[in-house]
Amino acid sequence: MELEKPKTEAKFKDTNVKDCSHRFSIDDGFLKMKNHEDKITSCMNLYYSGMSLRKIQEHLQMFVLKLGFSDYIKKKVKEDYLARKITLSKAAKIAGITIWGMQRYLVENGYKSEYSIQDLEEDLALLG
């Protein structure tokens, strides 16, 4: 069975199966959710670890809502990027900012890149 890639980068991707031309949507379980998947999974984790719904609500008000949800997402994405779980472009996409904005955020929070001028020259030599 061979899959045909979608032509656009839409939020909801439809995919064709080349053999029989059936269409299906790729669903990661969080399609059409009102909240971000990190917020949902964090709350579920707290609930299944034994915390009451009232305590979870208080936790969200103290940590997530006071920080601002976008700051919370940036902090979470930064941790994932530093742990090498995701790439810089994926981190920027999740945080909803540009790659340059993500780099600026990382530098402002003490990140130092291991990418040297020699690495840049080698990359440029490969391109040109």
C-alpha atoms as a PDB file:
ATOM      1  CA  MET A   1       0.000   0.000   0.000  1.00  0.00           C
ATOM      2  CA  GLU A   2       1.523   3.298  -1.065  1.00  0.00           C
ATOM      3  CA  LEU A   3       0.452   6.644   0.406  1.00  0.00           C
ATOM      4  CA  GLU A   4       0.223   9.869  -1.517  1.00  0.00           C
ATOM      5  CA  LYS A   5       1.491  12.933   0.357  1.00  0.00           C
ATOM      6  CA  PRO A   6      -0.914  15.837   0.808  1.00  0.00           C
ATOM      7  CA  LYS A   7      -0.350  18.799  -1.479  1.00  0.00           C
ATOM      8  CA  THR A   8      -0.729  21.460   1.221  1.00  0.00           C
ATOM      9  CA  GLU A   9       0.452  21.890   4.781  1.00  0.00           C
ATOM     10  CA  ALA A  10      -3.052  22.191   6.229  1.00  0.00           C
ATOM     11  CA  LYS A  11      -3.803  21.560   9.874  1.00  0.00           C
ATOM     12  CA  PHE A  12      -6.052  18.640   8.958  1.00  0.00           C
ATOM     13  CA  LYS A  13      -4.266  16.574   6.339  1.00  0.00           C
ATOM     14  CA  ASP A  14      -6.172  14.262   4.054  1.00  0.00           C
ATOM     15  CA  THR A  15      -4.129  11.433   2.616  1.00  0.00           C
ATOM     16  CA  ASN A  16      -4.892   9.285  -0.403  1.00  0.00           C
ATOM     17  CA  VAL A  17      -4.076   5.619  -0.744  1.00  0.00           C
ATOM     18  CA  LYS A  18      -2.751   5.225  -4.296  1.00  0.00           C
ATOM     19  CA  ASP A  19      -3.931   1.636  -4.748  1.00  0.00           C
ATOM     20  CA  CYS A  20      -7.622   2.173  -4.070  1.00  0.00           C
ATOM     21  CA  SER A  21      -7.955   5.999  -3.883  1.00  0.00           C
ATOM     22  CA  HIS A  22      -9.579   5.923  -0.437  1.00  0.00           C
ATOM     23  CA  ARG A  23      -9.067   9.056   1.666  1.00  0.00           C
ATOM     24  CA  PHE A  24      -8.427   9.300   5.374  1.00  0.00           C
ATOM     25  CA  SER A  25      -7.289  11.928   7.854  1.00  0.00           C
ATOM     26  CA  ILE A  26      -4.236  11.426  10.015  1.00  0.00           C
ATOM     27  CA  ASP A  27      -5.445  11.845  13.599  1.00  0.00           C
ATOM     28  CA  ASP A  28      -2.963  12.044  16.460  1.00  0.00           C
ATOM     29  CA  GLY A  29      -5.747  12.127  19.054  1.00  0.00           C
ATOM     30  CA  PHE A  30      -5.720  15.895  19.528  1.00  0.00           C
ATOM     31  CA  LEU A  31      -7.474  17.084  16.393  1.00  0.00           C
ATOM     32  CA  LYS A  32     -10.130  19.740  17.020  1.00  0.00           C
ATOM     33  CA  MET A  33      -9.217  20.038  20.717  1.00  0.00           C
ATOM     34  CA  LYS A  34      -9.712  23.441  22.316  1.00  0.00           C
ATOM     35  CA  ASN A  35      -6.540  23.197  24.430  1.00  0.00           C
ATOM     36  CA  HIS A  36      -2.957  22.389  23.519  1.00  0.00           C
ATOM     37  CA  GLU A  37      -1.918  18.740  23.770  1.00  0.00           C
ATOM     38  CA  ASP A  38       0.715  19.504  26.450  1.00  0.00           C
ATOM     39  CA  LYS A  39      -1.923  21.081  28.676  1.00  0.00           C
ATOM     40  CA  ILE A  40      -4.300  18.146  28.185  1.00  0.00           C
ATOM     41  CA  THR A  41      -1.688  15.476  28.864  1.00  0.00           C
ATOM     42  CA  SER A  42      -0.351  17.347  31.911  1.00  0.00           C
ATOM     43  CA  CYS A  43      -3.841  17.505  33.423  1.00  0.00           C
ATOM     44  CA  MET A  44      -4.478  13.839  32.662  1.00  0.00           C
ATOM     45  CA  ASN A  45      -1.157  12.916  34.251  1.00  0.00           C
ATOM     46  CA  LEU A  46      -2.032  14.863  37.405  1.00  0.00           C
ATOM     47  CA  TYR A  47      -5.502  13.296  37.539  1.00  0.00           C
ATOM     48  CA  TYR A  48      -4.259   9.730  37.147  1.00  0.00           C
ATOM     49  CA  SER A  49      -1.564  10.284  39.755  1.00  0.00           C
ATOM     50  CA  GLY A  50      -4.346  10.893  42.285  1.00  0.00           C
ATOM     51  CA  MET A  51      -4.811  14.677  42.301  1.00  0.00           C
ATOM     52  CA  SER A  52      -8.393  15.911  42.585  1.00  0.00           C
ATOM     53  CA  LEU A  53      -9.978  18.002  39.841  1.00  0.00           C
ATOM     54  CA  ARG A  54     -10.135  20.996  42.193  1.00  0.00           C
ATOM     55  CA  LYS A  55      -6.393  20.720  42.907  1.00  0.00           C
ATOM     56  CA  ILE A  56      -5.648  20.401  39.188  1.00  0.00           C
ATOM     57  CA  GLN A  57      -7.663  23.559  38.537  1.00  0.00           C
ATOM     58  CA  GLU A  58      -5.730  25.397  41.259  1.00  0.00           C
ATOM     59  CA  HIS A  59      -2.465  24.087  39.815  1.00  0.00           C
ATOM     60  CA  LEU A  60      -3.371  25.416  36.377  1.00  0.00           C
ATOM     61  CA  GLN A  61      -4.320  28.797  37.800  1.00  0.00           C
ATOM     62  CA  MET A  62      -1.065  29.071  39.772  1.00  0.00           C
ATOM     63  CA  PHE A  63       1.415  27.869  37.165  1.00  0.00           C
ATOM     64  CA  VAL A  64      -0.043  27.849  33.682  1.00  0.00           C
ATOM     65  CA  LEU A  65      -2.372  30.839  33.708  1.00  0.00           C
ATOM     66  CA  LYS A  66      -0.066  33.176  35.642  1.00  0.00           C
ATOM     67  CA  LEU A  67       2.860  32.429  33.361  1.00  0.00           C
ATOM     68  CA  GLY A  68       0.663  32.754  30.346  1.00  0.00           C
ATOM     69  CA  PHE A  69       0.033  29.726  28.241  1.00  0.00           C
ATOM     70  CA  SER A  70       2.389  30.804  25.452  1.00  0.00           C
ATOM     71  CA  ASP A  71       5.238  31.245  27.956  1.00  0.00           C
ATOM     72  CA  TYR A  72       4.434  27.838  29.416  1.00  0.00           C
ATOM     73  CA  ILE A  73       4.584  26.251  25.951  1.00  0.00           C
ATOM     74  CA  LYS A  74       7.882  28.002  25.166  1.00  0.00           C
ATOM     75  CA  LYS A  75       9.363  26.757  28.432  1.00  0.00           C
ATOM     76  CA  LYS A  76       8.176  23.190  27.755  1.00  0.00           C
ATOM     77  CA  VAL A  77       9.456  23.271  24.164  1.00  0.00           C
ATOM     78  CA  LYS A  78      12.817  24.642  25.346  1.00  0.00           C
ATOM     79  CA  GLU A  79      13.170  21.686  27.719  1.00  0.00           C
ATOM     80  CA  ASP A  80      12.330  19.229  24.928  1.00  0.00           C
ATOM     81  CA  TYR A  81      14.783  20.927  22.548  1.00  0.00           C
ATOM     82  CA  LEU A  82      17.602  20.910  25.107  1.00  0.00           C
ATOM     83  CA  ALA A  83      16.895  17.223  25.797  1.00  0.00           C
ATOM     84  CA  ARG A  84      17.218  16.665  22.010  1.00  0.00           C
ATOM     85  CA  LYS A  85      13.693  15.257  21.759  1.00  0.00           C
ATOM     86  CA  ILE A  86      12.707  17.703  19.004  1.00  0.00           C
ATOM     87  CA  THR A  87      14.441  19.864  16.406  1.00  0.00           C
ATOM     88  CA  LEU A  88      14.646  23.648  16.471  1.00  0.00           C
ATOM     89  CA  SER A  89      12.136  24.001  13.625  1.00  0.00           C
ATOM     90  CA  LYS A  90       9.681  21.639  15.376  1.00  0.00           C
ATOM     91  CA  ALA A  91      10.142  23.608  18.622  1.00  0.00           C
ATOM     92  CA  ALA A  92       9.392  26.867  16.841  1.00  0.00           C
ATOM     93  CA  LYS A  93       6.322  25.379  15.155  1.00  0.00           C
ATOM     94  CA  ILE A  94       4.920  24.081  18.460  1.00  0.00           C
ATOM     95  CA  ALA A  95       5.602  27.405  20.198  1.00  0.00           C
ATOM     96  CA  GLY A  96       3.939  29.282  17.341  1.00  0.00           C
ATOM     97  CA  ILE A  97       6.932  31.504  16.586  1.00  0.00           C
ATOM     98  CA  THR A  98       9.556  31.717  13.856  1.00  0.00           C
ATOM     99  CA  ILE A  99      12.837  29.840  14.014  1.00  0.00           C
ATOM    100  CA  TRP A 100      14.628  33.172  14.590  1.00  0.00           C
ATOM    101  CA  GLY A 101      12.229  33.929  17.432  1.00  0.00           C
ATOM    102  CA  MET A 102      12.895  30.525  18.962  1.00  0.00           C
ATOM    103  CA  GLN A 103      16.653  31.062  18.724  1.00  0.00           C
ATOM    104  CA  ARG A 104      16.279  34.480  20.368  1.00  0.00           C
ATOM    105  CA  TYR A 105      14.186  32.948  23.164  1.00  0.00           C
ATOM    106  CA  LEU A 106      16.808  30.247  23.766  1.00  0.00           C
ATOM    107  CA  VAL A 107      19.669  32.777  23.894  1.00  0.00           C
ATOM    108  CA  GLU A 108      17.710  35.043  26.259  1.00  0.00           C
ATOM    109  CA  ASN A 109      17.301  32.066  28.581  1.00  0.00           C
ATOM    110  CA  GLY A 110      20.996  31.164  28.701  1.00  0.00           C
ATOM    111  CA  TYR A 111      21.350  28.658  25.846  1.00  0.00           C
ATOM    112  CA  LYS A 112      24.762  28.545  24.157  1.00  0.00           C
ATOM    113  CA  SER A 113      24.995  26.837  20.804  1.00  0.00           C
ATOM    114  CA  GLU A 114      27.709  24.307  20.024  1.00  0.00           C
ATOM    115  CA  TYR A 115      27.560  25.282  16.339  1.00  0.00           C
ATOM    116  CA  SER A 116      30.886  26.916  15.460  1.00  0.00           C
ATOM    117  CA  ILE A 117      32.120  29.080  12.601  1.00  0.00           C
ATOM    118  CA  GLN A 118      34.006  26.051  11.294  1.00  0.00           C
ATOM    119  CA  ASP A 119      30.696  24.112  11.168  1.00  0.00           C
ATOM    120  CA  LEU A 120      29.150  27.006   9.247  1.00  0.00           C
ATOM    121  CA  GLU A 121      32.020  27.060   6.731  1.00  0.00           C
ATOM    122  CA  GLU A 122      31.699  23.293   6.218  1.00  0.00           C
ATOM    123  CA  ASP A 123      27.931  23.612   5.645  1.00  0.00           C
ATOM    124  CA  LEU A 124      28.481  26.455   3.168  1.00  0.00           C
ATOM    125  CA  ALA A 125      31.090  24.392   1.317  1.00  0.00           C
ATOM    126  CA  LEU A 126      28.585  21.551   0.976  1.00  0.00           C
ATOM    127  CA  LEU A 127      25.941  23.931  -0.382  1.00  0.00           C
ATOM    128  CA  GLY A 128      28.175  25.763  -2.828  1.00  0.00           C
END
